[in-house]
Amino acid sequence: MFSDLKEQQLCQLSESKNHITHKKGQILYYEGTKPLGVFCVSDGVVKVFKTASNGKEQITRLAKKGDFLGYTSLLGEETYTNSATIVEDANICFVPKDTFLKVLAEDTGFHRKITKALCNDLGMMENQLTDATQKSIRERLAFTLLMLSESYGVDGTEGEKIDIVLTREEIAGLVGTATETVIRLLSEFKKDKLITFQGKKIIVNDKKALARLSDFYG
């Protein structure tokens, strides 16, 4: 997002930002609190989620290096509509509200980037809503594994390892189903040789089969 800013704006950001190391499990911000700036992930993984009335998490996004967090609520002058927690140890830059809005007003190119990002976020939300209403849980899990492989995959001799440790509860939160269902389906996927396990990490053995499953099979 900041890559094309002019030197003047970069200096403003550099002078006002805070760079903090966060450990796994730490909360970055809570749903319902007021945003005081924006977060940029320099390294690590952050999960963005909403908590249902029954206490279950619905994960809406896994943010990685280079991703922005909190800017939609800041621009909308609203409280956070979700919470964010560190999944893997992360280095996070925090840019105060006044600095962010000043740079946004001064640089039209940066303004266009933010507008495009907002549109992309809206499109992702629409896709998630469509998937939740039209795809089966099996299809959604297959698609989730493909997306995780695309974002965090590391090629190996046996397949593509998803190089991020997610609990079964967190995978269920991404898919939007019960943990027990995810455990059962992962076992079935392993039996069908679509995936294997390496410790707590998942190896995708057959991306084409998962792609077919996510599109055509219930």
N, C-alpha and C. Protein backbone atom coordinates (compact mmCIF):
# COMPACT_ATOMS: atom_id res chain seq x y z
N MET A 1 0.82 -1.21 0.00
CA MET A 1 0.00 0.00 0.00
C MET A 1 0.86 1.27 0.00
N PHE A 2 1.94 1.24 0.75
CA PHE A 2 2.78 2.43 0.89
C PHE A 2 3.87 2.52 -0.17
N SER A 3 3.96 1.55 -1.05
CA SER A 3 5.14 1.43 -1.92
C SER A 3 5.34 2.61 -2.87
N ASP A 4 4.27 3.28 -3.28
CA ASP A 4 4.39 4.36 -4.25
C ASP A 4 4.27 5.76 -3.65
N LEU A 5 4.30 5.85 -2.33
CA LEU A 5 4.18 7.16 -1.69
C LEU A 5 5.42 8.02 -1.96
N LYS A 6 5.22 9.31 -1.98
CA LYS A 6 6.33 10.25 -2.14
C LYS A 6 7.16 10.29 -0.85
N GLU A 7 8.37 10.79 -0.96
CA GLU A 7 9.28 10.81 0.19
C GLU A 7 8.70 11.59 1.37
N GLN A 8 8.00 12.67 1.08
CA GLN A 8 7.42 13.48 2.15
C GLN A 8 6.43 12.67 2.98
N GLN A 9 5.54 11.91 2.28
CA GLN A 9 4.55 11.11 2.99
C GLN A 9 5.21 9.94 3.73
N LEU A 10 6.22 9.35 3.13
CA LEU A 10 6.93 8.26 3.79
C LEU A 10 7.61 8.73 5.07
N CYS A 11 8.14 9.93 5.03
CA CYS A 11 8.77 10.50 6.23
C CYS A 11 7.73 10.73 7.32
N GLN A 12 6.55 11.22 6.93
CA GLN A 12 5.48 11.42 7.90
C GLN A 12 5.11 10.10 8.59
N LEU A 13 4.98 9.05 7.78
CA LEU A 13 4.63 7.74 8.33
C LEU A 13 5.73 7.21 9.24
N SER A 14 6.97 7.34 8.78
CA SER A 14 8.11 6.83 9.54
C SER A 14 8.23 7.51 10.91
N GLU A 15 7.95 8.81 10.94
CA GLU A 15 8.09 9.57 12.18
C GLU A 15 6.99 9.24 13.19
N SER A 16 5.82 8.85 12.70
CA SER A 16 4.68 8.68 13.61
C SER A 16 4.35 7.22 13.92
N LYS A 17 4.83 6.28 13.12
CA LYS A 17 4.44 4.88 13.30
C LYS A 17 5.11 4.25 14.53
N ASN A 18 4.46 3.21 15.02
CA ASN A 18 5.03 2.37 16.07
C ASN A 18 5.19 0.97 15.53
N HIS A 19 6.32 0.33 15.81
CA HIS A 19 6.58 -1.02 15.32
C HIS A 19 6.71 -1.94 16.53
N ILE A 20 5.78 -2.89 16.65
CA ILE A 20 5.70 -3.72 17.84
C ILE A 20 5.71 -5.19 17.46
N THR A 21 6.41 -6.00 18.24
CA THR A 21 6.40 -7.46 18.07
C THR A 21 5.31 -8.05 18.95
N HIS A 22 4.45 -8.86 18.34
CA HIS A 22 3.35 -9.49 19.06
C HIS A 22 3.54 -11.01 19.06
N LYS A 23 3.21 -11.63 20.18
CA LYS A 23 3.33 -13.08 20.32
C LYS A 23 2.01 -13.77 19.94
N LYS A 24 2.13 -15.04 19.57
CA LYS A 24 0.96 -15.84 19.22
C LYS A 24 -0.05 -15.81 20.36
N GLY A 25 -1.32 -15.57 19.99
CA GLY A 25 -2.39 -15.54 20.97
C GLY A 25 -2.75 -14.16 21.47
N GLN A 26 -1.89 -13.17 21.23
CA GLN A 26 -2.19 -11.81 21.68
C GLN A 26 -3.30 -11.19 20.82
N ILE A 27 -4.13 -10.38 21.47
CA ILE A 27 -5.19 -9.67 20.76
C ILE A 27 -4.64 -8.37 20.19
N LEU A 28 -4.93 -8.13 18.93
CA LEU A 28 -4.50 -6.87 18.30
C LEU A 28 -5.54 -5.78 18.55
N TYR A 29 -6.82 -6.14 18.36
CA TYR A 29 -7.91 -5.23 18.72
C TYR A 29 -9.19 -6.03 18.92
N TYR A 30 -10.13 -5.43 19.64
CA TYR A 30 -11.39 -6.09 19.97
C TYR A 30 -12.55 -5.49 19.19
N GLU A 31 -13.50 -6.35 18.83
CA GLU A 31 -14.74 -5.90 18.22
C GLU A 31 -15.46 -4.93 19.17
N GLY A 32 -15.96 -3.84 18.59
CA GLY A 32 -16.70 -2.88 19.39
C GLY A 32 -15.88 -1.74 19.95
N THR A 33 -14.54 -1.82 19.83
CA THR A 33 -13.69 -0.73 20.30
C THR A 33 -13.44 0.27 19.16
N LYS A 34 -13.00 1.46 19.53
CA LYS A 34 -12.82 2.53 18.55
C LYS A 34 -11.43 2.48 17.95
N PRO A 35 -11.31 2.49 16.61
CA PRO A 35 -9.99 2.49 15.97
C PRO A 35 -9.26 3.81 16.16
N LEU A 36 -8.00 3.72 16.53
CA LEU A 36 -7.17 4.91 16.73
C LEU A 36 -6.13 5.06 15.62
N GLY A 37 -6.15 4.12 14.67
CA GLY A 37 -5.20 4.12 13.56
C GLY A 37 -5.37 2.86 12.75
N VAL A 38 -4.38 2.55 11.94
CA VAL A 38 -4.42 1.35 11.11
C VAL A 38 -3.19 0.48 11.41
N PHE A 39 -3.35 -0.81 11.18
CA PHE A 39 -2.27 -1.77 11.40
C PHE A 39 -1.77 -2.30 10.06
N CYS A 40 -0.47 -2.47 9.94
CA CYS A 40 0.13 -3.09 8.76
C CYS A 40 0.98 -4.26 9.24
N VAL A 41 0.74 -5.43 8.67
CA VAL A 41 1.47 -6.64 9.07
C VAL A 41 2.82 -6.66 8.36
N SER A 42 3.89 -6.53 9.13
CA SER A 42 5.23 -6.59 8.56
C SER A 42 5.71 -8.03 8.43
N ASP A 43 5.26 -8.88 9.36
CA ASP A 43 5.65 -10.28 9.35
C ASP A 43 4.70 -11.04 10.26
N GLY A 44 4.45 -12.31 9.95
CA GLY A 44 3.55 -13.11 10.78
C GLY A 44 2.17 -13.24 10.18
N VAL A 45 1.24 -13.80 10.97
CA VAL A 45 -0.14 -14.03 10.51
C VAL A 45 -1.11 -13.57 11.59
N VAL A 46 -2.17 -12.89 11.16
CA VAL A 46 -3.20 -12.39 12.06
C VAL A 46 -4.56 -12.89 11.58
N LYS A 47 -5.35 -13.44 12.49
CA LYS A 47 -6.71 -13.84 12.11
C LYS A 47 -7.70 -12.77 12.50
N VAL A 48 -8.61 -12.46 11.59
CA VAL A 48 -9.67 -11.50 11.81
C VAL A 48 -10.97 -12.29 11.92
N PHE A 49 -11.74 -12.05 12.99
CA PHE A 49 -12.90 -12.90 13.23
C PHE A 49 -14.01 -12.15 13.94
N LYS A 50 -15.22 -12.72 13.82
CA LYS A 50 -16.37 -12.25 14.59
C LYS A 50 -16.77 -13.37 15.54
N THR A 51 -17.26 -13.00 16.70
CA THR A 51 -17.68 -13.99 17.69
C THR A 51 -19.20 -14.02 17.75
N ALA A 52 -19.76 -15.22 17.54
CA ALA A 52 -21.21 -15.39 17.56
C ALA A 52 -21.73 -15.38 19.00
N SER A 53 -23.04 -15.34 19.15
CA SER A 53 -23.64 -15.30 20.48
C SER A 53 -23.35 -16.56 21.28
N ASN A 54 -23.07 -17.68 20.56
CA ASN A 54 -22.73 -18.94 21.26
C ASN A 54 -21.25 -19.06 21.58
N GLY A 55 -20.49 -18.00 21.27
CA GLY A 55 -19.06 -18.00 21.59
C GLY A 55 -18.17 -18.52 20.50
N LYS A 56 -18.72 -19.05 19.40
CA LYS A 56 -17.92 -19.59 18.31
C LYS A 56 -17.38 -18.48 17.42
N GLU A 57 -16.18 -18.71 16.91
CA GLU A 57 -15.54 -17.72 16.03
C GLU A 57 -15.84 -18.02 14.57
N GLN A 58 -16.15 -16.97 13.82
CA GLN A 58 -16.23 -17.05 12.36
C GLN A 58 -15.09 -16.24 11.81
N ILE A 59 -14.08 -16.92 11.29
CA ILE A 59 -12.90 -16.22 10.78
C ILE A 59 -13.21 -15.68 9.39
N THR A 60 -13.04 -14.39 9.23
CA THR A 60 -13.33 -13.75 7.95
C THR A 60 -12.09 -13.55 7.09
N ARG A 61 -10.92 -13.62 7.74
CA ARG A 61 -9.69 -13.32 6.99
C ARG A 61 -8.46 -13.75 7.78
N LEU A 62 -7.44 -14.20 7.06
CA LEU A 62 -6.12 -14.41 7.64
C LEU A 62 -5.19 -13.41 6.98
N ALA A 63 -4.75 -12.43 7.74
CA ALA A 63 -3.89 -11.37 7.20
C ALA A 63 -2.43 -11.78 7.31
N LYS A 64 -1.67 -11.51 6.26
CA LYS A 64 -0.25 -11.87 6.23
C LYS A 64 0.58 -10.63 5.90
N LYS A 65 1.87 -10.85 5.69
CA LYS A 65 2.82 -9.76 5.43
C LYS A 65 2.32 -8.83 4.33
N GLY A 66 2.30 -7.53 4.64
CA GLY A 66 1.88 -6.53 3.66
C GLY A 66 0.42 -6.13 3.74
N ASP A 67 -0.37 -6.88 4.52
CA ASP A 67 -1.81 -6.59 4.61
C ASP A 67 -2.10 -5.48 5.62
N PHE A 68 -3.15 -4.71 5.33
CA PHE A 68 -3.64 -3.66 6.22
C PHE A 68 -4.81 -4.19 7.04
N LEU A 69 -4.94 -3.70 8.26
CA LEU A 69 -6.06 -4.08 9.12
C LEU A 69 -6.64 -2.83 9.79
N GLY A 70 -7.95 -2.81 9.93
CA GLY A 70 -8.61 -1.75 10.68
C GLY A 70 -8.96 -0.51 9.91
N TYR A 71 -8.59 -0.43 8.64
CA TYR A 71 -8.81 0.82 7.91
C TYR A 71 -10.26 1.03 7.51
N THR A 72 -11.02 -0.06 7.33
CA THR A 72 -12.43 0.11 6.93
C THR A 72 -13.23 0.77 8.05
N SER A 73 -13.01 0.32 9.28
CA SER A 73 -13.71 0.92 10.42
C SER A 73 -13.26 2.36 10.64
N LEU A 74 -11.97 2.60 10.45
CA LEU A 74 -11.43 3.95 10.63
C LEU A 74 -12.05 4.91 9.62
N LEU A 75 -12.09 4.52 8.36
CA LEU A 75 -12.63 5.38 7.32
C LEU A 75 -14.14 5.56 7.47
N GLY A 76 -14.81 4.52 7.97
CA GLY A 76 -16.26 4.60 8.18
C GLY A 76 -16.65 5.28 9.47
N GLU A 77 -15.63 5.67 10.25
CA GLU A 77 -15.85 6.31 11.55
C GLU A 77 -16.77 5.47 12.42
N GLU A 78 -16.47 4.16 12.46
CA GLU A 78 -17.24 3.20 13.24
C GLU A 78 -16.32 2.46 14.21
N THR A 79 -16.91 1.75 15.15
CA THR A 79 -16.12 0.85 15.99
C THR A 79 -15.76 -0.38 15.16
N TYR A 80 -14.76 -1.13 15.62
CA TYR A 80 -14.36 -2.33 14.90
C TYR A 80 -15.54 -3.30 14.81
N THR A 81 -15.77 -3.85 13.64
CA THR A 81 -16.85 -4.82 13.45
C THR A 81 -16.36 -6.25 13.66
N ASN A 82 -15.07 -6.41 13.97
CA ASN A 82 -14.50 -7.73 14.20
C ASN A 82 -13.33 -7.58 15.17
N SER A 83 -12.74 -8.71 15.52
CA SER A 83 -11.56 -8.72 16.38
C SER A 83 -10.39 -9.30 15.61
N ALA A 84 -9.18 -9.08 16.10
CA ALA A 84 -7.98 -9.61 15.44
C ALA A 84 -7.03 -10.17 16.48
N THR A 85 -6.54 -11.39 16.21
CA THR A 85 -5.64 -12.09 17.12
C THR A 85 -4.42 -12.58 16.34
N ILE A 86 -3.27 -12.60 16.99
CA ILE A 86 -2.04 -13.09 16.37
C ILE A 86 -2.06 -14.62 16.31
N VAL A 87 -1.90 -15.17 15.10
CA VAL A 87 -1.87 -16.63 14.90
C VAL A 87 -0.43 -17.13 14.95
N GLU A 88 0.48 -16.41 14.31
CA GLU A 88 1.90 -16.70 14.38
C GLU A 88 2.62 -15.41 14.77
N ASP A 89 3.66 -15.53 15.60
CA ASP A 89 4.40 -14.35 16.06
C ASP A 89 4.53 -13.33 14.92
N ALA A 90 4.18 -12.08 15.22
CA ALA A 90 4.07 -11.09 14.16
C ALA A 90 4.72 -9.76 14.55
N ASN A 91 5.24 -9.08 13.55
CA ASN A 91 5.71 -7.70 13.68
C ASN A 91 4.66 -6.81 13.03
N ILE A 92 4.11 -5.91 13.81
CA ILE A 92 3.01 -5.08 13.34
C ILE A 92 3.40 -3.60 13.42
N CYS A 93 3.15 -2.87 12.33
CA CYS A 93 3.31 -1.42 12.35
C CYS A 93 1.95 -0.79 12.63
N PHE A 94 1.92 0.18 13.53
CA PHE A 94 0.69 0.92 13.81
C PHE A 94 0.88 2.36 13.37
N VAL A 95 -0.03 2.83 12.50
CA VAL A 95 0.01 4.21 12.01
C VAL A 95 -1.17 4.96 12.61
N PRO A 96 -0.92 6.01 13.38
CA PRO A 96 -2.01 6.77 14.01
C PRO A 96 -3.00 7.33 12.99
N LYS A 97 -4.22 7.50 13.44
CA LYS A 97 -5.32 7.96 12.60
C LYS A 97 -5.01 9.27 11.87
N ASP A 98 -4.53 10.27 12.59
CA ASP A 98 -4.30 11.59 11.98
C ASP A 98 -3.27 11.51 10.84
N THR A 99 -2.21 10.75 11.05
CA THR A 99 -1.18 10.61 10.01
C THR A 99 -1.73 9.88 8.80
N PHE A 100 -2.45 8.80 9.04
CA PHE A 100 -3.01 8.01 7.94
C PHE A 100 -3.96 8.86 7.10
N LEU A 101 -4.88 9.59 7.74
CA LEU A 101 -5.85 10.39 7.01
C LEU A 101 -5.17 11.56 6.29
N LYS A 102 -4.13 12.10 6.86
CA LYS A 102 -3.39 13.21 6.21
C LYS A 102 -2.72 12.71 4.92
N VAL A 103 -2.07 11.55 4.99
CA VAL A 103 -1.42 10.98 3.81
C VAL A 103 -2.47 10.63 2.76
N LEU A 104 -3.60 10.10 3.21
CA LEU A 104 -4.68 9.72 2.30
C LEU A 104 -5.20 10.95 1.55
N ALA A 105 -5.29 12.09 2.24
CA ALA A 105 -5.80 13.32 1.62
C ALA A 105 -4.79 13.94 0.66
N GLU A 106 -3.51 13.74 0.94
CA GLU A 106 -2.46 14.38 0.15
C GLU A 106 -2.06 13.60 -1.10
N ASP A 107 -2.22 12.29 -1.09
CA ASP A 107 -1.71 11.47 -2.18
C ASP A 107 -2.87 10.76 -2.90
N THR A 108 -3.16 11.18 -4.13
CA THR A 108 -4.29 10.62 -4.87
C THR A 108 -4.05 9.15 -5.24
N GLY A 109 -2.79 8.81 -5.51
CA GLY A 109 -2.48 7.42 -5.85
C GLY A 109 -2.75 6.49 -4.68
N PHE A 110 -2.38 6.92 -3.49
CA PHE A 110 -2.64 6.14 -2.28
C PHE A 110 -4.14 6.04 -2.03
N HIS A 111 -4.85 7.12 -2.30
CA HIS A 111 -6.31 7.13 -2.14
C HIS A 111 -6.95 6.09 -3.07
N ARG A 112 -6.46 6.00 -4.30
CA ARG A 112 -6.99 5.01 -5.24
C ARG A 112 -6.72 3.59 -4.75
N LYS A 113 -5.53 3.36 -4.19
CA LYS A 113 -5.19 2.03 -3.68
C LYS A 113 -6.13 1.62 -2.55
N ILE A 114 -6.39 2.54 -1.64
CA ILE A 114 -7.28 2.25 -0.53
C ILE A 114 -8.70 1.98 -1.02
N THR A 115 -9.15 2.79 -2.00
CA THR A 115 -10.48 2.57 -2.57
C THR A 115 -10.58 1.20 -3.22
N LYS A 116 -9.55 0.81 -3.96
CA LYS A 116 -9.53 -0.51 -4.59
C LYS A 116 -9.55 -1.61 -3.54
N ALA A 117 -8.80 -1.42 -2.45
CA ALA A 117 -8.76 -2.42 -1.38
C ALA A 117 -10.14 -2.57 -0.73
N LEU A 118 -10.83 -1.45 -0.54
CA LEU A 118 -12.18 -1.49 0.03
C LEU A 118 -13.13 -2.26 -0.87
N CYS A 119 -13.01 -2.04 -2.17
CA CYS A 119 -13.85 -2.75 -3.14
C CYS A 119 -13.55 -4.25 -3.13
N ASN A 120 -12.26 -4.58 -3.04
CA ASN A 120 -11.87 -5.99 -2.97
C ASN A 120 -12.43 -6.66 -1.72
N ASP A 121 -12.38 -5.93 -0.59
CA ASP A 121 -12.93 -6.47 0.66
C ASP A 121 -14.42 -6.74 0.52
N LEU A 122 -15.13 -5.82 -0.12
CA LEU A 122 -16.56 -5.98 -0.32
C LEU A 122 -16.84 -7.20 -1.20
N GLY A 123 -16.04 -7.37 -2.26
CA GLY A 123 -16.20 -8.53 -3.13
C GLY A 123 -15.95 -9.84 -2.40
N MET A 124 -14.95 -9.85 -1.52
CA MET A 124 -14.67 -11.05 -0.74
C MET A 124 -15.82 -11.39 0.19
N MET A 125 -16.42 -10.37 0.79
CA MET A 125 -17.56 -10.59 1.68
C MET A 125 -18.74 -11.17 0.92
N GLU A 126 -18.97 -10.67 -0.29
CA GLU A 126 -20.06 -11.19 -1.11
C GLU A 126 -19.82 -12.64 -1.49
N ASN A 127 -18.56 -12.96 -1.82
CA ASN A 127 -18.23 -14.35 -2.17
C ASN A 127 -18.41 -15.27 -0.97
N GLN A 128 -17.99 -14.81 0.22
CA GLN A 128 -18.14 -15.62 1.42
C GLN A 128 -19.61 -15.88 1.72
N LEU A 129 -20.44 -14.86 1.53
CA LEU A 129 -21.88 -15.01 1.77
C LEU A 129 -22.48 -16.01 0.78
N THR A 130 -22.07 -15.92 -0.49
CA THR A 130 -22.56 -16.84 -1.50
C THR A 130 -22.13 -18.27 -1.18
N ASP A 131 -20.86 -18.45 -0.81
CA ASP A 131 -20.36 -19.79 -0.48
C ASP A 131 -21.12 -20.37 0.71
N ALA A 132 -21.39 -19.53 1.71
CA ALA A 132 -22.05 -20.02 2.92
C ALA A 132 -23.47 -20.49 2.64
N THR A 133 -24.13 -19.89 1.64
CA THR A 133 -25.52 -20.24 1.36
C THR A 133 -25.66 -21.28 0.25
N GLN A 134 -24.66 -21.41 -0.63
CA GLN A 134 -24.82 -22.28 -1.80
C GLN A 134 -23.88 -23.48 -1.83
N LYS A 135 -22.78 -23.45 -1.07
CA LYS A 135 -21.84 -24.57 -1.09
C LYS A 135 -21.99 -25.43 0.14
N SER A 136 -21.76 -26.73 -0.04
CA SER A 136 -21.79 -27.64 1.11
C SER A 136 -20.54 -27.42 1.96
N ILE A 137 -20.56 -27.98 3.16
CA ILE A 137 -19.41 -27.85 4.06
C ILE A 137 -18.18 -28.52 3.44
N ARG A 138 -18.37 -29.66 2.80
CA ARG A 138 -17.26 -30.36 2.14
C ARG A 138 -16.63 -29.47 1.07
N GLU A 139 -17.46 -28.82 0.28
CA GLU A 139 -16.96 -27.93 -0.76
C GLU A 139 -16.21 -26.75 -0.16
N ARG A 140 -16.76 -26.18 0.90
CA ARG A 140 -16.13 -25.02 1.53
C ARG A 140 -14.78 -25.40 2.16
N LEU A 141 -14.69 -26.58 2.75
CA LEU A 141 -13.43 -27.02 3.33
C LEU A 141 -12.38 -27.23 2.23
N ALA A 142 -12.78 -27.85 1.13
CA ALA A 142 -11.85 -28.06 0.02
C ALA A 142 -11.35 -26.72 -0.50
N PHE A 143 -12.25 -25.76 -0.63
CA PHE A 143 -11.86 -24.44 -1.13
C PHE A 143 -10.95 -23.73 -0.13
N THR A 144 -11.24 -23.85 1.15
CA THR A 144 -10.40 -23.24 2.19
C THR A 144 -8.99 -23.79 2.15
N LEU A 145 -8.85 -25.11 1.98
CA LEU A 145 -7.52 -25.72 1.90
C LEU A 145 -6.76 -25.23 0.67
N LEU A 146 -7.48 -25.05 -0.42
CA LEU A 146 -6.85 -24.52 -1.64
C LEU A 146 -6.34 -23.10 -1.41
N MET A 147 -7.16 -22.27 -0.77
CA MET A 147 -6.77 -20.88 -0.52
C MET A 147 -5.60 -20.80 0.45
N LEU A 148 -5.60 -21.65 1.47
CA LEU A 148 -4.48 -21.68 2.40
C LEU A 148 -3.21 -22.14 1.70
N SER A 149 -3.36 -23.10 0.80
CA SER A 149 -2.22 -23.59 0.03
C SER A 149 -1.68 -22.50 -0.89
N GLU A 150 -2.60 -21.72 -1.46
CA GLU A 150 -2.21 -20.63 -2.36
C GLU A 150 -1.43 -19.55 -1.60
N SER A 151 -1.86 -19.24 -0.38
CA SER A 151 -1.26 -18.15 0.39
C SER A 151 -0.04 -18.57 1.19
N TYR A 152 -0.05 -19.82 1.69
CA TYR A 152 1.01 -20.24 2.61
C TYR A 152 1.70 -21.53 2.19
N GLY A 153 1.46 -21.96 0.94
CA GLY A 153 2.00 -23.23 0.48
C GLY A 153 3.50 -23.20 0.23
N VAL A 154 4.16 -24.30 0.61
CA VAL A 154 5.59 -24.49 0.35
C VAL A 154 5.74 -25.85 -0.33
N ASP A 155 6.31 -25.85 -1.54
CA ASP A 155 6.46 -27.09 -2.29
C ASP A 155 7.41 -28.06 -1.58
N GLY A 156 7.02 -29.34 -1.60
CA GLY A 156 7.86 -30.40 -1.05
C GLY A 156 7.85 -31.61 -1.95
N THR A 157 8.49 -32.66 -1.52
CA THR A 157 8.58 -33.86 -2.36
C THR A 157 7.24 -34.58 -2.45
N GLU A 158 6.43 -34.48 -1.38
CA GLU A 158 5.17 -35.23 -1.35
C GLU A 158 3.97 -34.38 -1.77
N GLY A 159 4.10 -33.10 -1.71
CA GLY A 159 2.98 -32.22 -2.04
C GLY A 159 3.31 -30.81 -1.60
N GLU A 160 2.28 -29.99 -1.46
CA GLU A 160 2.47 -28.60 -1.06
C GLU A 160 2.03 -28.43 0.39
N LYS A 161 2.98 -28.12 1.26
CA LYS A 161 2.70 -27.99 2.69
C LYS A 161 2.13 -26.60 2.98
N ILE A 162 1.03 -26.57 3.73
CA ILE A 162 0.48 -25.31 4.20
C ILE A 162 1.30 -24.91 5.42
N ASP A 163 2.18 -23.94 5.22
CA ASP A 163 3.18 -23.61 6.23
C ASP A 163 2.65 -22.63 7.27
N ILE A 164 1.56 -23.02 7.88
CA ILE A 164 0.96 -22.25 8.96
C ILE A 164 0.22 -23.24 9.85
N VAL A 165 0.36 -23.08 11.15
CA VAL A 165 -0.30 -23.99 12.09
C VAL A 165 -1.64 -23.39 12.50
N LEU A 166 -2.72 -24.06 12.12
CA LEU A 166 -4.06 -23.67 12.52
C LEU A 166 -4.69 -24.81 13.30
N THR A 167 -5.37 -24.48 14.38
CA THR A 167 -6.08 -25.51 15.12
C THR A 167 -7.30 -25.96 14.31
N ARG A 168 -7.84 -27.10 14.68
CA ARG A 168 -9.05 -27.57 14.00
C ARG A 168 -10.19 -26.59 14.24
N GLU A 169 -10.20 -25.94 15.40
CA GLU A 169 -11.22 -24.94 15.69
C GLU A 169 -11.08 -23.74 14.75
N GLU A 170 -9.85 -23.34 14.47
CA GLU A 170 -9.63 -22.21 13.57
C GLU A 170 -10.00 -22.56 12.13
N ILE A 171 -9.70 -23.78 11.70
CA ILE A 171 -10.12 -24.20 10.36
C ILE A 171 -11.64 -24.21 10.28
N ALA A 172 -12.29 -24.70 11.35
CA ALA A 172 -13.75 -24.69 11.39
C ALA A 172 -14.28 -23.26 11.32
N GLY A 173 -13.57 -22.33 11.97
CA GLY A 173 -13.96 -20.93 11.93
C GLY A 173 -13.84 -20.33 10.54
N LEU A 174 -12.84 -20.78 9.78
CA LEU A 174 -12.69 -20.34 8.39
C LEU A 174 -13.80 -20.89 7.50
N VAL A 175 -14.14 -22.15 7.73
CA VAL A 175 -15.14 -22.82 6.89
C VAL A 175 -16.55 -22.40 7.28
N GLY A 176 -16.74 -22.14 8.59
CA GLY A 176 -18.07 -21.80 9.08
C GLY A 176 -18.87 -23.03 9.45
N THR A 177 -18.26 -23.91 10.24
CA THR A 177 -18.95 -25.14 10.64
C THR A 177 -18.43 -25.58 12.00
N ALA A 178 -18.91 -26.73 12.47
CA ALA A 178 -18.49 -27.25 13.77
C ALA A 178 -17.12 -27.90 13.67
N THR A 179 -16.37 -27.85 14.76
CA THR A 179 -15.03 -28.45 14.79
C THR A 179 -15.09 -29.94 14.50
N GLU A 180 -16.09 -30.62 15.05
CA GLU A 180 -16.23 -32.06 14.85
C GLU A 180 -16.40 -32.41 13.37
N THR A 181 -17.11 -31.55 12.65
CA THR A 181 -17.32 -31.78 11.21
C THR A 181 -16.01 -31.64 10.44
N VAL A 182 -15.21 -30.63 10.79
CA VAL A 182 -13.91 -30.44 10.15
C VAL A 182 -12.99 -31.63 10.41
N ILE A 183 -12.96 -32.11 11.64
CA ILE A 183 -12.12 -33.26 11.98
C ILE A 183 -12.51 -34.47 11.15
N ARG A 184 -13.82 -34.71 11.03
CA ARG A 184 -14.30 -35.86 10.24
C ARG A 184 -13.95 -35.71 8.76
N LEU A 185 -14.16 -34.52 8.21
CA LEU A 185 -13.90 -34.31 6.78
C LEU A 185 -12.41 -34.36 6.47
N LEU A 186 -11.57 -33.82 7.34
CA LEU A 186 -10.13 -33.90 7.13
C LEU A 186 -9.67 -35.36 7.12
N SER A 187 -10.27 -36.16 7.99
CA SER A 187 -9.95 -37.59 8.02
C SER A 187 -10.36 -38.26 6.71
N GLU A 188 -11.51 -37.86 6.17
CA GLU A 188 -11.97 -38.41 4.89
C GLU A 188 -11.07 -37.96 3.75
N PHE A 189 -10.66 -36.69 3.77
CA PHE A 189 -9.75 -36.18 2.74
C PHE A 189 -8.41 -36.93 2.77
N LYS A 190 -7.95 -37.23 4.00
CA LYS A 190 -6.70 -38.00 4.12
C LYS A 190 -6.88 -39.41 3.58
N LYS A 191 -8.00 -40.02 3.90
CA LYS A 191 -8.29 -41.38 3.42
C LYS A 191 -8.34 -41.41 1.89
N ASP A 192 -8.85 -40.33 1.29
CA ASP A 192 -8.94 -40.24 -0.17
C ASP A 192 -7.63 -39.77 -0.81
N LYS A 193 -6.58 -39.60 0.03
CA LYS A 193 -5.24 -39.20 -0.42
C LYS A 193 -5.20 -37.79 -1.02
N LEU A 194 -6.16 -36.95 -0.61
CA LEU A 194 -6.14 -35.55 -1.05
C LEU A 194 -5.14 -34.76 -0.22
N ILE A 195 -5.01 -35.13 1.05
CA ILE A 195 -4.10 -34.45 1.96
C ILE A 195 -3.39 -35.48 2.85
N THR A 196 -2.30 -35.05 3.46
CA THR A 196 -1.66 -35.82 4.52
C THR A 196 -1.27 -34.82 5.62
N PHE A 197 -0.77 -35.32 6.72
CA PHE A 197 -0.41 -34.45 7.83
C PHE A 197 1.06 -34.60 8.15
N GLN A 198 1.69 -33.47 8.48
CA GLN A 198 3.07 -33.45 8.95
C GLN A 198 3.07 -32.70 10.27
N GLY A 199 2.96 -33.46 11.36
CA GLY A 199 2.77 -32.83 12.65
C GLY A 199 1.42 -32.14 12.67
N LYS A 200 1.42 -30.84 12.97
CA LYS A 200 0.17 -30.07 13.00
C LYS A 200 -0.12 -29.38 11.67
N LYS A 201 0.77 -29.57 10.70
CA LYS A 201 0.59 -28.91 9.41
C LYS A 201 -0.01 -29.87 8.38
N ILE A 202 -0.73 -29.30 7.42
CA ILE A 202 -1.41 -30.07 6.39
C ILE A 202 -0.64 -29.99 5.08
N ILE A 203 -0.48 -31.14 4.43
CA ILE A 203 0.15 -31.19 3.11
C ILE A 203 -0.93 -31.50 2.07
N VAL A 204 -1.05 -30.64 1.08
CA VAL A 204 -2.02 -30.84 0.00
C VAL A 204 -1.37 -31.70 -1.07
N ASN A 205 -1.92 -32.89 -1.28
CA ASN A 205 -1.34 -33.82 -2.25
C ASN A 205 -1.94 -33.67 -3.65
N ASP A 206 -3.19 -33.26 -3.73
CA ASP A 206 -3.87 -33.22 -5.03
C ASP A 206 -4.73 -31.96 -5.12
N LYS A 207 -4.13 -30.87 -5.58
CA LYS A 207 -4.85 -29.60 -5.68
C LYS A 207 -5.95 -29.66 -6.74
N LYS A 208 -5.71 -30.38 -7.82
CA LYS A 208 -6.73 -30.48 -8.87
C LYS A 208 -7.99 -31.17 -8.35
N ALA A 209 -7.79 -32.24 -7.57
CA ALA A 209 -8.94 -32.96 -7.00
C ALA A 209 -9.69 -32.09 -6.01
N LEU A 210 -8.96 -31.31 -5.21
CA LEU A 210 -9.62 -30.40 -4.28
C LEU A 210 -10.38 -29.32 -5.03
N ALA A 211 -9.81 -28.86 -6.15
CA ALA A 211 -10.49 -27.84 -6.95
C ALA A 211 -11.79 -28.39 -7.52
N ARG A 212 -11.74 -29.64 -8.02
CA ARG A 212 -12.96 -30.26 -8.54
C ARG A 212 -13.98 -30.44 -7.43
N LEU A 213 -13.51 -30.85 -6.27
CA LEU A 213 -14.40 -31.07 -5.15
C LEU A 213 -15.05 -29.78 -4.67
N SER A 214 -14.29 -28.70 -4.67
CA SER A 214 -14.83 -27.43 -4.20
C SER A 214 -15.88 -26.86 -5.15
N ASP A 215 -15.82 -27.27 -6.40
CA ASP A 215 -16.74 -26.73 -7.41
C ASP A 215 -17.95 -27.61 -7.68
N PHE A 216 -17.75 -28.93 -7.69
CA PHE A 216 -18.77 -29.80 -8.27
C PHE A 216 -19.39 -30.82 -7.32
N TYR A 217 -18.72 -31.13 -6.22
CA TYR A 217 -19.22 -32.24 -5.40
C TYR A 217 -19.81 -31.75 -4.09
N GLY A 218 -20.92 -32.34 -3.69
CA GLY A 218 -21.54 -32.03 -2.40
C GLY A 218 -21.19 -33.07 -1.36
